[in-house]
Amino acid sequence: MEQEQPGRVASIVGFILVAAGIFSLAYFASPIRLMVRETIGPNRINWLPPILGGLSLICGIALLFFVSQRNQKRKRDS
């Protein structure tokens, strides 16, 4: 039972990262923010939220992929 816990925790963290990345990218690309961004100009945009959102999404997907690969390997070896 103890061996299953790290995979479960990693899966939960992966889902949280994917959800946070999707939320961050959706918030930054909302129509109201796009209109405000056009009036401010491209030089005054904070690019940190979409970059972090994209990294969060990619890391979450990678984490979920590696956890599923590890679980499949364990089932095969058993």
Protein backbone atom coordinates (compact mmCIF):
# COMPACT_ATOMS: atom_id res chain seq x y z
CA MET A 1 0.00 0.00 0.00
CA GLU A 2 2.87 2.40 0.71
CA GLN A 3 4.22 2.07 -2.82
CA GLU A 4 0.97 3.35 -4.35
CA GLN A 5 0.95 6.64 -2.41
CA PRO A 6 3.71 8.49 -4.34
CA GLY A 7 1.95 7.76 -7.63
CA ARG A 8 -1.34 9.00 -6.25
CA VAL A 9 0.22 12.21 -4.91
CA ALA A 10 2.01 12.78 -8.20
CA SER A 11 -1.27 12.31 -10.08
CA ILE A 12 -3.04 14.85 -7.88
CA VAL A 13 -0.21 17.35 -8.31
CA GLY A 14 -0.30 16.75 -12.08
CA PHE A 15 -4.04 17.44 -12.23
CA ILE A 16 -3.61 20.61 -10.16
CA LEU A 17 -0.82 21.83 -12.46
CA VAL A 18 -2.91 21.15 -15.57
CA ALA A 19 -5.92 22.94 -14.09
CA ALA A 20 -3.83 25.93 -13.00
CA GLY A 21 -2.22 26.17 -16.44
CA ILE A 22 -5.54 26.04 -18.26
CA PHE A 23 -7.05 28.62 -15.90
CA SER A 24 -4.08 30.94 -16.27
CA LEU A 25 -4.07 30.77 -20.06
CA ALA A 26 -7.85 31.18 -20.27
CA TYR A 27 -7.77 34.19 -17.95
CA PHE A 28 -4.99 35.88 -19.89
CA ALA A 29 -6.74 35.31 -23.22
CA SER A 30 -10.18 36.53 -22.07
CA PRO A 31 -11.84 39.00 -24.48
CA ILE A 32 -11.85 41.87 -21.97
CA ARG A 33 -8.13 41.49 -21.27
CA LEU A 34 -7.46 41.36 -25.01
CA MET A 35 -9.28 44.67 -25.53
CA VAL A 36 -7.37 46.27 -22.64
CA ARG A 37 -4.12 44.92 -24.00
CA GLU A 38 -4.75 46.61 -27.36
CA THR A 39 -5.31 49.99 -25.71
CA ILE A 40 -2.24 49.74 -23.45
CA GLY A 41 0.17 48.71 -26.15
CA PRO A 42 2.42 45.68 -26.48
CA ASN A 43 5.33 47.15 -24.50
CA ARG A 44 3.44 47.30 -21.20
CA ILE A 45 2.15 43.72 -21.11
CA ASN A 46 3.21 41.43 -18.28
CA TRP A 47 4.14 38.15 -19.99
CA LEU A 48 4.83 36.27 -16.76
CA PRO A 49 1.30 34.82 -16.19
CA PRO A 50 0.94 33.17 -19.63
CA ILE A 51 4.50 31.85 -19.54
CA LEU A 52 3.96 30.36 -16.09
CA GLY A 53 0.57 29.02 -17.18
CA GLY A 54 2.12 27.31 -20.19
CA LEU A 55 4.93 25.84 -18.10
CA SER A 56 2.42 24.64 -15.52
CA LEU A 57 0.33 22.97 -18.22
CA ILE A 58 3.34 21.27 -19.82
CA CYS A 59 4.75 20.08 -16.47
CA GLY A 60 1.36 18.75 -15.37
CA ILE A 61 0.88 16.79 -18.60
CA ALA A 62 4.42 15.41 -18.39
CA LEU A 63 3.92 14.41 -14.76
CA LEU A 64 0.67 12.61 -15.55
CA PHE A 65 2.30 10.87 -18.52
CA PHE A 66 5.26 9.60 -16.50
CA VAL A 67 3.05 8.45 -13.62
CA SER A 68 0.87 6.46 -16.02
CA GLN A 69 3.96 4.93 -17.68
CA ARG A 70 5.33 3.94 -14.28
CA ASN A 71 2.03 2.36 -13.27
CA GLN A 72 1.85 0.38 -16.51
CA LYS A 73 5.41 -0.87 -15.99
CA ARG A 74 4.57 -1.98 -12.45
CA LYS A 75 1.49 -3.88 -13.64
CA ARG A 76 3.54 -5.59 -16.35
CA ASP A 77 6.31 -6.58 -13.94
CA SER A 78 3.88 -8.00 -11.36
